[in-house]
C-alpha atoms as a PDB file:
ATOM      1  CA  UNK A   1     209.875 194.980  69.405  1.00  0.00           C
ATOM      2  CA  UNK A   2     207.488 197.670  68.193  1.00  0.00           C
ATOM      3  CA  UNK A   3     207.911 196.715  64.554  1.00  0.00           C
ATOM      4  CA  UNK A   4     206.986 193.210  65.321  1.00  0.00           C
ATOM      5  CA  UNK A   5     203.447 194.343  66.330  1.00  0.00           C
ATOM      6  CA  UNK A   6     202.868 195.448  62.676  1.00  0.00           C
ATOM      7  CA  UNK A   7     203.564 192.034  61.224  1.00  0.00           C
ATOM      8  CA  UNK A   8     201.465 188.829  60.909  1.00  0.00           C
ATOM      9  CA  UNK A   9     202.261 186.383  63.760  1.00  0.00           C
ATOM     10  CA  UNK A  10     203.669 184.011  61.219  1.00  0.00           C
ATOM     11  CA  UNK A  11     206.351 186.561  60.169  1.00  0.00           C
ATOM     12  CA  UNK A  12     206.913 188.026  63.606  1.00  0.00           C
ATOM     13  CA  UNK A  13     207.832 184.781  65.333  1.00  0.00           C
ATOM     14  CA  UNK A  14     211.149 184.159  63.415  1.00  0.00           C
ATOM     15  CA  UNK A  15     212.100 187.892  63.780  1.00  0.00           C
ATOM     16  CA  UNK A  16     211.557 187.822  67.488  1.00  0.00           C
ATOM     17  CA  UNK A  17     213.605 184.587  67.785  1.00  0.00           C
ATOM     18  CA  UNK A  18     216.473 186.482  66.099  1.00  0.00           C
ATOM     19  CA  UNK A  19     216.440 189.236  68.651  1.00  0.00           C
ATOM     20  CA  UNK A  20     215.446 187.447  71.813  1.00  0.00           C
ATOM     21  CA  UNK A  21     217.594 185.113  73.755  1.00  0.00           C
ATOM     22  CA  UNK A  22     215.550 181.975  73.010  1.00  0.00           C
ATOM     23  CA  UNK A  23     217.173 178.562  73.196  1.00  0.00           C
ATOM     24  CA  UNK A  24     214.263 176.686  71.433  1.00  0.00           C
ATOM     25  CA  UNK A  25     212.324 177.629  68.165  1.00  0.00           C
ATOM     26  CA  UNK A  26     209.037 179.394  68.603  1.00  0.00           C
ATOM     27  CA  UNK A  27     206.147 179.033  66.412  1.00  0.00           C
ATOM     28  CA  UNK A  28     203.599 181.688  65.333  1.00  0.00           C
ATOM     29  CA  UNK A  29     200.951 180.141  67.583  1.00  0.00           C
ATOM     30  CA  UNK A  30     203.344 180.603  70.565  1.00  0.00           C
ATOM     31  CA  UNK A  31     203.260 184.423  69.985  1.00  0.00           C
ATOM     32  CA  UNK A  32     199.624 184.522  68.805  1.00  0.00           C
ATOM     33  CA  UNK A  33     197.834 182.682  71.508  1.00  0.00           C
ATOM     34  CA  UNK A  34     199.136 184.506  74.576  1.00  0.00           C
ATOM     35  CA  UNK A  35     198.619 187.761  72.654  1.00  0.00           C
ATOM     36  CA  UNK A  36     194.955 186.801  72.034  1.00  0.00           C
ATOM     37  CA  UNK A  37     194.482 185.829  75.669  1.00  0.00           C
ATOM     38  CA  UNK A  38     195.849 189.266  76.903  1.00  0.00           C
ATOM     39  CA  UNK A  39     193.572 191.130  74.448  1.00  0.00           C
ATOM     40  CA  UNK A  40     190.559 189.174  75.617  1.00  0.00           C
ATOM     41  CA  UNK A  41     191.451 189.965  79.214  1.00  0.00           C
ATOM     42  CA  UNK A  42     191.826 193.652  78.394  1.00  0.00           C
ATOM     43  CA  UNK A  43     188.548 193.638  76.659  1.00  0.00           C
ATOM     44  CA  UNK A  44     186.753 192.110  79.473  1.00  0.00           C
ATOM     45  CA  UNK A  45     188.290 194.574  81.836  1.00  0.00           C
ATOM     46  CA  UNK A  46     187.183 197.487  79.858  1.00  0.00           C
ATOM     47  CA  UNK A  47     183.826 196.135  79.483  1.00  0.00           C
ATOM     48  CA  UNK A  48     183.370 195.737  83.181  1.00  0.00           C
ATOM     49  CA  UNK A  49     184.549 199.264  83.824  1.00  0.00           C
ATOM     50  CA  UNK A  50     181.887 200.547  81.423  1.00  0.00           C
ATOM     51  CA  UNK A  51     179.360 198.481  83.070  1.00  0.00           C
ATOM     52  CA  UNK A  52     180.046 200.032  86.491  1.00  0.00           C
ATOM     53  CA  UNK A  53     179.672 203.641  85.086  1.00  0.00           C
ATOM     54  CA  UNK A  54     176.338 205.410  85.586  1.00  0.00           C
ATOM     55  CA  UNK A  55     174.461 206.051  82.403  1.00  0.00           C
ATOM     56  CA  UNK A  56     175.007 209.386  80.852  1.00  0.00           C
ATOM     57  CA  UNK A  57     172.117 211.975  80.880  1.00  0.00           C
ATOM     58  CA  UNK A  58     170.800 213.537  77.708  1.00  0.00           C
ATOM     59  CA  UNK A  59     172.566 216.853  78.356  1.00  0.00           C
ATOM     60  CA  UNK A  60     175.963 215.035  78.911  1.00  0.00           C
ATOM     61  CA  UNK A  61     175.744 212.948  75.703  1.00  0.00           C
ATOM     62  CA  UNK A  62     175.305 216.192  73.567  1.00  0.00           C
ATOM     63  CA  UNK A  63     178.585 217.604  74.431  1.00  0.00           C
END
């Protein structure tokens, strides 16, 4: 599956259908939309973690 991550969604969808046990056809938007949703959720989680950290002092930022 790792190789599918290096392809555009439009090309990865038919390849994934060939290796996954899927009864129905999948479109590129079926693979793209959940991937974008997961990416947005991960970005929001990381941003909230950064917001909770105390600001670095001047001496720490020079290291």
